[in-house]
Amino acid sequence: LLGLSDPTASASPVAGTTGMRHHLVLMAGEEINEDYPVEIHEYLSTFENSIGAVDEMLKTMMSVSRNELLQKLDPLEQAKVDLVSAYTLNSMFWVYLATQGVNPKEHPVKQELERIRVYMNRVKEITDKKKAGKLDKGAAARFVKNALWEPKPKNASKVVNKGKSKN
C-alpha cells in the first residue's frame, strides 16, 4: 500500500501547477522518487484509505473458507456473496487497468461488470418479491366490505317508523 508524504515535505514547484510537489512513500517507509502535484494529494489520500478498507474486507472474507461461509447461507444469500465477490474483483481490475493507462471503458471488463450488475438486479428483484406481503383475497374482501359505508335500505326506515305512534 502507498503512504503519502507530508504536503510540506517538498517545496519544489511543479511546472504548470500552482501547488507544491509530494513524494509517494511506501507503507514500509521506503520513499519513491516520483513526485506528484499537491492538487492530487487529497485524491491520493482518499484512494489510499479506500485501498486499506478493501484490504481489510478481503482479509475478513478470506479468513473463512468459501465452503464454510456458503454452508451458513441460503441459496439467495450464496448468490449475493458470489456476485459481490465477482463485482469486487472486476472493479479492482478496472482500477488496475486505469493505473496502467488502459481505458477500462474500452476493455471487456466493462461488459463483465454490466453482466454482473444484471444478475445483481435479478437477485434484488427476487429479494423484493420475497419481502412483498402476500395478499389474502378473502381478508381483503372482508376488510373492504366492512370499511365501506352502506346506506340503510329504504324499507328498513319505514318499518321502524310504522312501529312508532304519532302523538
N, C-alpha and C. Protein backbone atom coordinates (compact mmCIF):
# COMPACT_ATOMS: atom_id res chain seq x y z
N LEU A 1 0.83 -1.18 0.00
CA LEU A 1 0.00 0.00 0.00
C LEU A 1 0.87 1.24 0.00
N LEU A 2 0.30 2.31 -0.47
CA LEU A 2 1.04 3.56 -0.55
C LEU A 2 0.87 4.37 0.72
N GLY A 3 1.88 5.14 1.03
CA GLY A 3 1.78 6.13 2.09
C GLY A 3 2.09 7.46 1.44
N LEU A 4 1.44 8.49 1.88
CA LEU A 4 1.66 9.79 1.25
C LEU A 4 2.45 10.66 2.20
N SER A 5 3.44 11.33 1.65
CA SER A 5 4.28 12.19 2.49
C SER A 5 3.53 13.45 2.87
N ASP A 6 4.07 14.14 3.83
CA ASP A 6 3.50 15.40 4.29
C ASP A 6 3.50 16.41 3.15
N PRO A 7 2.40 17.16 2.96
CA PRO A 7 2.33 18.12 1.85
C PRO A 7 3.44 19.16 1.88
N THR A 8 3.99 19.43 3.01
CA THR A 8 5.04 20.45 3.10
C THR A 8 6.43 19.85 2.96
N ALA A 9 6.52 18.54 2.72
CA ALA A 9 7.82 17.86 2.68
C ALA A 9 8.68 18.31 1.52
N SER A 10 8.08 18.67 0.43
CA SER A 10 8.86 19.07 -0.74
C SER A 10 8.39 20.44 -1.18
N ALA A 11 9.31 21.33 -1.35
CA ALA A 11 8.94 22.69 -1.71
C ALA A 11 9.24 23.00 -3.17
N SER A 12 9.50 21.98 -3.96
CA SER A 12 9.80 22.25 -5.38
C SER A 12 8.51 22.40 -6.15
N PRO A 13 8.32 23.54 -6.82
CA PRO A 13 7.08 23.76 -7.56
C PRO A 13 7.00 22.86 -8.79
N VAL A 14 5.79 22.50 -9.14
CA VAL A 14 5.54 21.65 -10.31
C VAL A 14 5.26 22.55 -11.50
N ALA A 15 5.88 22.26 -12.61
CA ALA A 15 5.67 23.06 -13.81
C ALA A 15 4.20 23.00 -14.21
N GLY A 16 3.62 24.16 -14.43
CA GLY A 16 2.25 24.21 -14.90
C GLY A 16 1.21 24.08 -13.78
N THR A 17 1.62 24.03 -12.53
CA THR A 17 0.67 23.96 -11.43
C THR A 17 0.96 25.07 -10.44
N THR A 18 0.02 25.30 -9.56
CA THR A 18 0.21 26.35 -8.57
C THR A 18 0.68 25.79 -7.23
N GLY A 19 0.67 24.49 -7.08
CA GLY A 19 0.99 23.89 -5.79
C GLY A 19 2.39 23.35 -5.71
N MET A 20 2.66 22.69 -4.60
CA MET A 20 3.94 22.06 -4.36
C MET A 20 3.86 20.60 -4.80
N ARG A 21 5.02 19.92 -4.72
CA ARG A 21 5.05 18.51 -5.08
C ARG A 21 5.16 17.66 -3.83
N HIS A 22 4.69 16.45 -3.94
CA HIS A 22 4.75 15.49 -2.84
C HIS A 22 5.52 14.27 -3.32
N HIS A 23 5.99 13.50 -2.36
CA HIS A 23 6.66 12.25 -2.68
C HIS A 23 5.78 11.10 -2.21
N LEU A 24 5.69 10.06 -3.01
CA LEU A 24 5.00 8.86 -2.58
C LEU A 24 5.91 8.08 -1.65
N VAL A 25 5.34 7.54 -0.60
CA VAL A 25 6.11 6.77 0.36
C VAL A 25 5.39 5.44 0.55
N LEU A 26 6.12 4.35 0.45
CA LEU A 26 5.52 3.04 0.71
C LEU A 26 5.20 2.93 2.18
N MET A 27 4.24 2.08 2.53
CA MET A 27 3.85 1.92 3.93
C MET A 27 5.04 1.51 4.79
N ALA A 28 6.01 0.82 4.23
CA ALA A 28 7.18 0.39 4.99
C ALA A 28 8.13 1.56 5.25
N GLY A 29 7.83 2.72 4.70
CA GLY A 29 8.66 3.89 4.92
C GLY A 29 9.63 4.16 3.80
N GLU A 30 9.65 3.30 2.80
CA GLU A 30 10.57 3.46 1.67
C GLU A 30 10.00 4.52 0.73
N GLU A 31 10.80 5.52 0.42
CA GLU A 31 10.33 6.63 -0.41
C GLU A 31 10.53 6.31 -1.89
N ILE A 32 9.54 6.67 -2.70
CA ILE A 32 9.65 6.54 -4.15
C ILE A 32 10.09 7.89 -4.68
N ASN A 33 10.94 7.89 -5.67
CA ASN A 33 11.50 9.14 -6.18
C ASN A 33 10.57 9.88 -7.13
N GLU A 34 9.32 9.46 -7.24
CA GLU A 34 8.40 10.14 -8.14
C GLU A 34 7.64 11.20 -7.36
N ASP A 35 7.61 12.40 -7.90
CA ASP A 35 6.86 13.49 -7.28
C ASP A 35 5.48 13.55 -7.92
N TYR A 36 4.53 14.14 -7.21
CA TYR A 36 3.21 14.35 -7.77
C TYR A 36 2.70 15.72 -7.31
N PRO A 37 1.81 16.32 -8.08
CA PRO A 37 1.31 17.66 -7.75
C PRO A 37 0.47 17.65 -6.47
N VAL A 38 0.54 18.74 -5.73
CA VAL A 38 -0.21 18.89 -4.49
C VAL A 38 -1.72 18.80 -4.74
N GLU A 39 -2.16 19.17 -5.93
CA GLU A 39 -3.58 19.17 -6.25
C GLU A 39 -4.21 17.78 -6.14
N ILE A 40 -3.40 16.75 -6.33
CA ILE A 40 -3.98 15.41 -6.28
C ILE A 40 -3.72 14.72 -4.94
N HIS A 41 -3.13 15.43 -4.00
CA HIS A 41 -2.82 14.82 -2.70
C HIS A 41 -4.08 14.29 -2.01
N GLU A 42 -5.14 15.08 -1.99
CA GLU A 42 -6.38 14.65 -1.33
C GLU A 42 -6.95 13.41 -2.01
N TYR A 43 -6.92 13.38 -3.35
CA TYR A 43 -7.42 12.21 -4.08
C TYR A 43 -6.60 10.97 -3.76
N LEU A 44 -5.29 11.14 -3.70
CA LEU A 44 -4.42 10.00 -3.38
C LEU A 44 -4.64 9.53 -1.95
N SER A 45 -4.86 10.46 -1.04
CA SER A 45 -5.14 10.08 0.35
C SER A 45 -6.43 9.27 0.44
N THR A 46 -7.46 9.74 -0.25
CA THR A 46 -8.74 9.03 -0.27
C THR A 46 -8.56 7.65 -0.89
N PHE A 47 -7.81 7.60 -1.99
CA PHE A 47 -7.54 6.33 -2.66
C PHE A 47 -6.81 5.38 -1.72
N GLU A 48 -5.83 5.89 -1.02
CA GLU A 48 -5.07 5.05 -0.08
C GLU A 48 -5.98 4.50 1.02
N ASN A 49 -6.85 5.35 1.55
CA ASN A 49 -7.79 4.90 2.59
C ASN A 49 -8.74 3.84 2.04
N SER A 50 -9.19 4.02 0.81
CA SER A 50 -10.08 3.04 0.19
C SER A 50 -9.39 1.71 -0.01
N ILE A 51 -8.14 1.76 -0.44
CA ILE A 51 -7.38 0.52 -0.62
C ILE A 51 -7.24 -0.20 0.72
N GLY A 52 -6.99 0.56 1.78
CA GLY A 52 -6.89 -0.04 3.11
C GLY A 52 -8.19 -0.71 3.53
N ALA A 53 -9.32 -0.05 3.25
CA ALA A 53 -10.62 -0.61 3.60
C ALA A 53 -10.89 -1.89 2.81
N VAL A 54 -10.58 -1.87 1.51
CA VAL A 54 -10.76 -3.06 0.68
C VAL A 54 -9.87 -4.19 1.18
N ASP A 55 -8.64 -3.85 1.54
CA ASP A 55 -7.71 -4.85 2.05
C ASP A 55 -8.26 -5.52 3.31
N GLU A 56 -8.81 -4.73 4.22
CA GLU A 56 -9.38 -5.28 5.45
C GLU A 56 -10.58 -6.18 5.15
N MET A 57 -11.45 -5.75 4.23
CA MET A 57 -12.61 -6.56 3.88
C MET A 57 -12.18 -7.88 3.25
N LEU A 58 -11.19 -7.81 2.37
CA LEU A 58 -10.71 -9.04 1.73
C LEU A 58 -10.08 -9.98 2.75
N LYS A 59 -9.33 -9.44 3.70
CA LYS A 59 -8.75 -10.28 4.75
C LYS A 59 -9.85 -10.98 5.54
N THR A 60 -10.90 -10.23 5.87
CA THR A 60 -12.02 -10.81 6.62
C THR A 60 -12.69 -11.91 5.80
N MET A 61 -12.92 -11.63 4.53
CA MET A 61 -13.57 -12.61 3.67
C MET A 61 -12.72 -13.85 3.48
N MET A 62 -11.42 -13.65 3.35
CA MET A 62 -10.52 -14.77 3.09
C MET A 62 -10.22 -15.58 4.35
N SER A 63 -10.56 -15.05 5.53
CA SER A 63 -10.27 -15.75 6.77
C SER A 63 -11.18 -16.97 6.97
N VAL A 64 -12.30 -17.01 6.27
CA VAL A 64 -13.24 -18.12 6.35
C VAL A 64 -13.26 -18.81 4.99
N SER A 65 -13.23 -20.14 5.00
CA SER A 65 -13.26 -20.85 3.71
C SER A 65 -14.61 -20.60 3.03
N ARG A 66 -14.59 -20.60 1.73
CA ARG A 66 -15.81 -20.33 0.95
C ARG A 66 -16.89 -21.35 1.29
N ASN A 67 -16.51 -22.65 1.36
CA ASN A 67 -17.50 -23.69 1.67
C ASN A 67 -18.11 -23.47 3.05
N GLU A 68 -17.29 -23.10 4.01
CA GLU A 68 -17.77 -22.85 5.37
C GLU A 68 -18.75 -21.68 5.38
N LEU A 69 -18.42 -20.65 4.64
CA LEU A 69 -19.28 -19.47 4.56
C LEU A 69 -20.61 -19.81 3.89
N LEU A 70 -20.55 -20.52 2.76
CA LEU A 70 -21.75 -20.81 1.99
C LEU A 70 -22.68 -21.79 2.70
N GLN A 71 -22.14 -22.66 3.55
CA GLN A 71 -22.97 -23.62 4.29
C GLN A 71 -23.95 -22.91 5.20
N LYS A 72 -23.58 -21.75 5.67
CA LYS A 72 -24.41 -21.00 6.62
C LYS A 72 -25.48 -20.16 5.92
N LEU A 73 -25.44 -20.10 4.60
CA LEU A 73 -26.32 -19.20 3.87
C LEU A 73 -27.33 -19.96 3.03
N ASP A 74 -28.50 -19.34 2.82
CA ASP A 74 -29.47 -19.92 1.89
C ASP A 74 -29.01 -19.62 0.46
N PRO A 75 -29.60 -20.27 -0.54
CA PRO A 75 -29.14 -20.09 -1.93
C PRO A 75 -29.13 -18.64 -2.41
N LEU A 76 -30.11 -17.86 -2.00
CA LEU A 76 -30.16 -16.46 -2.42
C LEU A 76 -28.99 -15.67 -1.82
N GLU A 77 -28.69 -15.92 -0.56
CA GLU A 77 -27.56 -15.26 0.08
C GLU A 77 -26.24 -15.73 -0.54
N GLN A 78 -26.16 -17.00 -0.92
CA GLN A 78 -24.97 -17.52 -1.60
C GLN A 78 -24.74 -16.78 -2.91
N ALA A 79 -25.83 -16.58 -3.65
CA ALA A 79 -25.73 -15.85 -4.92
C ALA A 79 -25.24 -14.42 -4.68
N LYS A 80 -25.73 -13.79 -3.62
CA LYS A 80 -25.29 -12.43 -3.30
C LYS A 80 -23.79 -12.39 -3.02
N VAL A 81 -23.30 -13.36 -2.23
CA VAL A 81 -21.87 -13.41 -1.90
C VAL A 81 -21.05 -13.58 -3.18
N ASP A 82 -21.47 -14.50 -4.04
CA ASP A 82 -20.73 -14.74 -5.28
C ASP A 82 -20.74 -13.51 -6.18
N LEU A 83 -21.88 -12.84 -6.28
CA LEU A 83 -21.97 -11.66 -7.14
C LEU A 83 -21.13 -10.50 -6.59
N VAL A 84 -21.18 -10.29 -5.30
CA VAL A 84 -20.38 -9.21 -4.71
C VAL A 84 -18.90 -9.50 -4.88
N SER A 85 -18.52 -10.76 -4.71
CA SER A 85 -17.11 -11.14 -4.90
C SER A 85 -16.66 -10.89 -6.34
N ALA A 86 -17.48 -11.33 -7.29
CA ALA A 86 -17.13 -11.14 -8.70
C ALA A 86 -17.08 -9.65 -9.05
N TYR A 87 -18.03 -8.89 -8.54
CA TYR A 87 -18.06 -7.46 -8.83
C TYR A 87 -16.84 -6.76 -8.23
N THR A 88 -16.48 -7.15 -7.02
CA THR A 88 -15.31 -6.55 -6.35
C THR A 88 -14.04 -6.84 -7.13
N LEU A 89 -13.84 -8.09 -7.52
CA LEU A 89 -12.63 -8.44 -8.26
C LEU A 89 -12.55 -7.71 -9.59
N ASN A 90 -13.67 -7.64 -10.30
CA ASN A 90 -13.67 -6.94 -11.58
C ASN A 90 -13.48 -5.44 -11.40
N SER A 91 -14.02 -4.88 -10.33
CA SER A 91 -13.81 -3.46 -10.04
C SER A 91 -12.35 -3.17 -9.74
N MET A 92 -11.72 -4.07 -9.00
CA MET A 92 -10.29 -3.89 -8.71
C MET A 92 -9.47 -4.00 -9.99
N PHE A 93 -9.87 -4.89 -10.89
CA PHE A 93 -9.17 -5.00 -12.17
C PHE A 93 -9.37 -3.73 -12.98
N TRP A 94 -10.58 -3.14 -12.92
CA TRP A 94 -10.87 -1.87 -13.58
C TRP A 94 -9.88 -0.80 -13.11
N VAL A 95 -9.70 -0.71 -11.78
CA VAL A 95 -8.78 0.28 -11.21
C VAL A 95 -7.35 -0.02 -11.67
N TYR A 96 -6.98 -1.29 -11.68
CA TYR A 96 -5.64 -1.67 -12.13
C TYR A 96 -5.41 -1.21 -13.57
N LEU A 97 -6.40 -1.46 -14.44
CA LEU A 97 -6.26 -1.03 -15.84
C LEU A 97 -6.07 0.48 -15.92
N ALA A 98 -6.85 1.21 -15.13
CA ALA A 98 -6.75 2.67 -15.15
C ALA A 98 -5.36 3.12 -14.70
N THR A 99 -4.79 2.43 -13.71
CA THR A 99 -3.45 2.81 -13.24
C THR A 99 -2.37 2.47 -14.25
N GLN A 100 -2.68 1.57 -15.18
CA GLN A 100 -1.72 1.19 -16.21
C GLN A 100 -1.89 1.99 -17.49
N GLY A 101 -2.81 2.97 -17.46
CA GLY A 101 -3.02 3.82 -18.63
C GLY A 101 -3.97 3.22 -19.65
N VAL A 102 -4.63 2.12 -19.32
CA VAL A 102 -5.60 1.49 -20.23
C VAL A 102 -6.97 2.05 -19.89
N ASN A 103 -7.74 2.40 -20.92
CA ASN A 103 -9.09 2.90 -20.71
C ASN A 103 -10.00 1.71 -20.42
N PRO A 104 -10.45 1.52 -19.17
CA PRO A 104 -11.27 0.36 -18.85
C PRO A 104 -12.64 0.37 -19.53
N LYS A 105 -13.08 1.55 -19.98
CA LYS A 105 -14.37 1.63 -20.68
C LYS A 105 -14.32 0.93 -22.02
N GLU A 106 -13.12 0.76 -22.56
CA GLU A 106 -12.95 0.10 -23.85
C GLU A 106 -12.43 -1.32 -23.68
N HIS A 107 -12.42 -1.83 -22.47
CA HIS A 107 -11.90 -3.16 -22.16
C HIS A 107 -13.08 -4.10 -21.87
N PRO A 108 -12.94 -5.39 -22.14
CA PRO A 108 -14.03 -6.34 -21.86
C PRO A 108 -14.48 -6.37 -20.39
N VAL A 109 -13.68 -5.84 -19.48
CA VAL A 109 -14.09 -5.82 -18.08
C VAL A 109 -15.36 -4.99 -17.89
N LYS A 110 -15.57 -4.01 -18.76
CA LYS A 110 -16.78 -3.18 -18.68
C LYS A 110 -18.03 -4.04 -18.92
N GLN A 111 -17.98 -4.89 -19.94
CA GLN A 111 -19.11 -5.78 -20.23
C GLN A 111 -19.32 -6.78 -19.09
N GLU A 112 -18.23 -7.24 -18.50
CA GLU A 112 -18.33 -8.18 -17.39
C GLU A 112 -19.00 -7.52 -16.18
N LEU A 113 -18.64 -6.30 -15.89
CA LEU A 113 -19.27 -5.58 -14.79
C LEU A 113 -20.76 -5.36 -15.06
N GLU A 114 -21.10 -5.05 -16.30
CA GLU A 114 -22.51 -4.87 -16.66
C GLU A 114 -23.28 -6.18 -16.53
N ARG A 115 -22.66 -7.28 -16.93
CA ARG A 115 -23.30 -8.60 -16.82
C ARG A 115 -23.56 -8.93 -15.34
N ILE A 116 -22.59 -8.65 -14.50
CA ILE A 116 -22.75 -8.92 -13.06
C ILE A 116 -23.86 -8.04 -12.49
N ARG A 117 -23.92 -6.78 -12.93
CA ARG A 117 -24.98 -5.87 -12.47
C ARG A 117 -26.36 -6.40 -12.83
N VAL A 118 -26.50 -6.98 -14.02
CA VAL A 118 -27.78 -7.56 -14.44
C VAL A 118 -28.20 -8.65 -13.46
N TYR A 119 -27.26 -9.53 -13.12
CA TYR A 119 -27.57 -10.60 -12.17
C TYR A 119 -27.85 -10.05 -10.78
N MET A 120 -27.15 -9.00 -10.39
CA MET A 120 -27.41 -8.38 -9.08
C MET A 120 -28.84 -7.82 -9.05
N ASN A 121 -29.27 -7.22 -10.16
CA ASN A 121 -30.63 -6.69 -10.23
C ASN A 121 -31.66 -7.82 -10.16
N ARG A 122 -31.36 -8.97 -10.79
CA ARG A 122 -32.27 -10.12 -10.71
C ARG A 122 -32.41 -10.59 -9.27
N VAL A 123 -31.29 -10.70 -8.58
CA VAL A 123 -31.32 -11.13 -7.18
C VAL A 123 -32.11 -10.12 -6.35
N LYS A 124 -31.93 -8.83 -6.63
CA LYS A 124 -32.67 -7.80 -5.90
C LYS A 124 -34.18 -7.94 -6.15
N GLU A 125 -34.57 -8.20 -7.39
CA GLU A 125 -35.99 -8.39 -7.70
C GLU A 125 -36.56 -9.58 -6.93
N ILE A 126 -35.81 -10.67 -6.90
CA ILE A 126 -36.27 -11.86 -6.17
C ILE A 126 -36.40 -11.54 -4.68
N THR A 127 -35.43 -10.84 -4.14
CA THR A 127 -35.46 -10.46 -2.73
C THR A 127 -36.66 -9.56 -2.44
N ASP A 128 -36.91 -8.59 -3.33
CA ASP A 128 -38.04 -7.69 -3.15
C ASP A 128 -39.36 -8.44 -3.21
N LYS A 129 -39.47 -9.42 -4.12
CA LYS A 129 -40.70 -10.21 -4.22
C LYS A 129 -40.93 -11.02 -2.95
N LYS A 130 -39.85 -11.54 -2.38
CA LYS A 130 -39.98 -12.30 -1.13
C LYS A 130 -40.44 -11.41 0.01
N LYS A 131 -39.96 -10.17 0.02
CA LYS A 131 -40.31 -9.25 1.09
C LYS A 131 -41.74 -8.73 0.96
N ALA A 132 -42.25 -8.68 -0.27
CA ALA A 132 -43.59 -8.15 -0.51
C ALA A 132 -44.61 -9.04 0.18
N GLY A 133 -45.57 -8.43 0.83
CA GLY A 133 -46.59 -9.19 1.53
C GLY A 133 -47.49 -9.94 0.57
N LYS A 134 -47.93 -11.10 1.00
CA LYS A 134 -48.87 -11.89 0.20
C LYS A 134 -50.27 -11.35 0.47
N LEU A 135 -51.08 -11.26 -0.57
CA LEU A 135 -52.43 -10.74 -0.44
C LEU A 135 -53.39 -11.87 -0.12
N ASP A 136 -54.06 -11.77 1.00
CA ASP A 136 -55.12 -12.71 1.38
C ASP A 136 -56.40 -12.12 0.82
N LYS A 137 -56.87 -12.68 -0.31
CA LYS A 137 -58.00 -12.09 -1.02
C LYS A 137 -59.27 -12.09 -0.18
N GLY A 138 -59.49 -13.15 0.57
CA GLY A 138 -60.69 -13.22 1.41
C GLY A 138 -60.68 -12.14 2.47
N ALA A 139 -59.53 -12.00 3.15
CA ALA A 139 -59.42 -10.98 4.19
C ALA A 139 -59.55 -9.59 3.59
N ALA A 140 -58.98 -9.38 2.42
CA ALA A 140 -59.06 -8.08 1.77
C ALA A 140 -60.51 -7.75 1.42
N ALA A 141 -61.25 -8.74 0.91
CA ALA A 141 -62.66 -8.51 0.55
C ALA A 141 -63.48 -8.18 1.79
N ARG A 142 -63.26 -8.90 2.89
CA ARG A 142 -63.98 -8.61 4.14
C ARG A 142 -63.64 -7.22 4.66
N PHE A 143 -62.37 -6.87 4.58
CA PHE A 143 -61.93 -5.56 5.06
C PHE A 143 -62.61 -4.45 4.26
N VAL A 144 -62.61 -4.58 2.94
CA VAL A 144 -63.22 -3.56 2.09
C VAL A 144 -64.72 -3.50 2.33
N LYS A 145 -65.36 -4.65 2.44
CA LYS A 145 -66.81 -4.68 2.65
C LYS A 145 -67.18 -4.01 3.96
N ASN A 146 -66.43 -4.29 5.02
CA ASN A 146 -66.74 -3.71 6.33
C ASN A 146 -66.32 -2.25 6.43
N ALA A 147 -65.36 -1.84 5.64
CA ALA A 147 -64.87 -0.47 5.71
C ALA A 147 -65.75 0.50 4.93
N LEU A 148 -66.49 -0.01 3.95
CA LEU A 148 -67.32 0.86 3.13
C LEU A 148 -68.65 1.15 3.82
N TRP A 149 -69.12 2.36 3.70
CA TRP A 149 -70.40 2.76 4.26
C TRP A 149 -71.50 2.25 3.36
N GLU A 150 -72.50 1.63 3.97
CA GLU A 150 -73.65 1.17 3.20
C GLU A 150 -74.88 1.92 3.70
N PRO A 151 -75.64 2.52 2.78
CA PRO A 151 -76.86 3.20 3.22
C PRO A 151 -77.88 2.16 3.70
N LYS A 152 -78.72 2.57 4.65
CA LYS A 152 -79.76 1.66 5.13
C LYS A 152 -80.78 1.45 4.02
N PRO A 153 -81.30 0.26 3.94
CA PRO A 153 -82.34 0.04 2.92
C PRO A 153 -83.55 0.93 3.22
N LYS A 154 -84.27 1.37 2.16
CA LYS A 154 -85.41 2.26 2.32
C LYS A 154 -86.52 1.59 3.13
N ASN A 155 -86.70 0.31 2.94
CA ASN A 155 -87.75 -0.41 3.67
C ASN A 155 -87.45 -0.45 5.16
N ALA A 156 -86.23 -0.50 5.56
CA ALA A 156 -85.87 -0.61 6.97
C ALA A 156 -86.29 0.64 7.74
N SER A 157 -86.17 1.82 7.14
CA SER A 157 -86.56 3.04 7.84
C SER A 157 -88.08 3.13 7.96
N LYS A 158 -88.85 2.62 6.98
CA LYS A 158 -90.31 2.66 7.03
C LYS A 158 -90.82 1.71 8.09
N VAL A 159 -90.19 0.56 8.21
CA VAL A 159 -90.62 -0.42 9.21
C VAL A 159 -90.46 0.16 10.61
N VAL A 160 -89.37 0.85 10.84
CA VAL A 160 -89.12 1.44 12.15
C VAL A 160 -90.16 2.53 12.42
N ASN A 161 -90.50 3.34 11.41
CA ASN A 161 -91.46 4.42 11.58
C ASN A 161 -92.87 3.88 11.81
N LYS A 162 -93.25 2.75 11.21
CA LYS A 162 -94.59 2.20 11.38
C LYS A 162 -94.80 1.75 12.82
N GLY A 163 -93.77 1.32 13.45
CA GLY A 163 -93.88 0.84 14.82
C GLY A 163 -94.06 1.98 15.81
N LYS A 164 -93.75 3.19 15.43
CA LYS A 164 -93.86 4.32 16.34
C LYS A 164 -95.23 4.97 16.16
N SER A 165 -95.80 5.41 17.23
CA SER A 165 -97.08 6.11 17.12
C SER A 165 -96.84 7.61 17.11
N LYS A 166 -97.66 8.27 16.36
CA LYS A 166 -97.50 9.72 16.26
C LYS A 166 -98.40 10.37 17.29
N ASN A 167 -97.88 11.14 18.15
CA ASN A 167 -98.67 11.86 19.14
C ASN A 167 -98.42 13.31 19.06
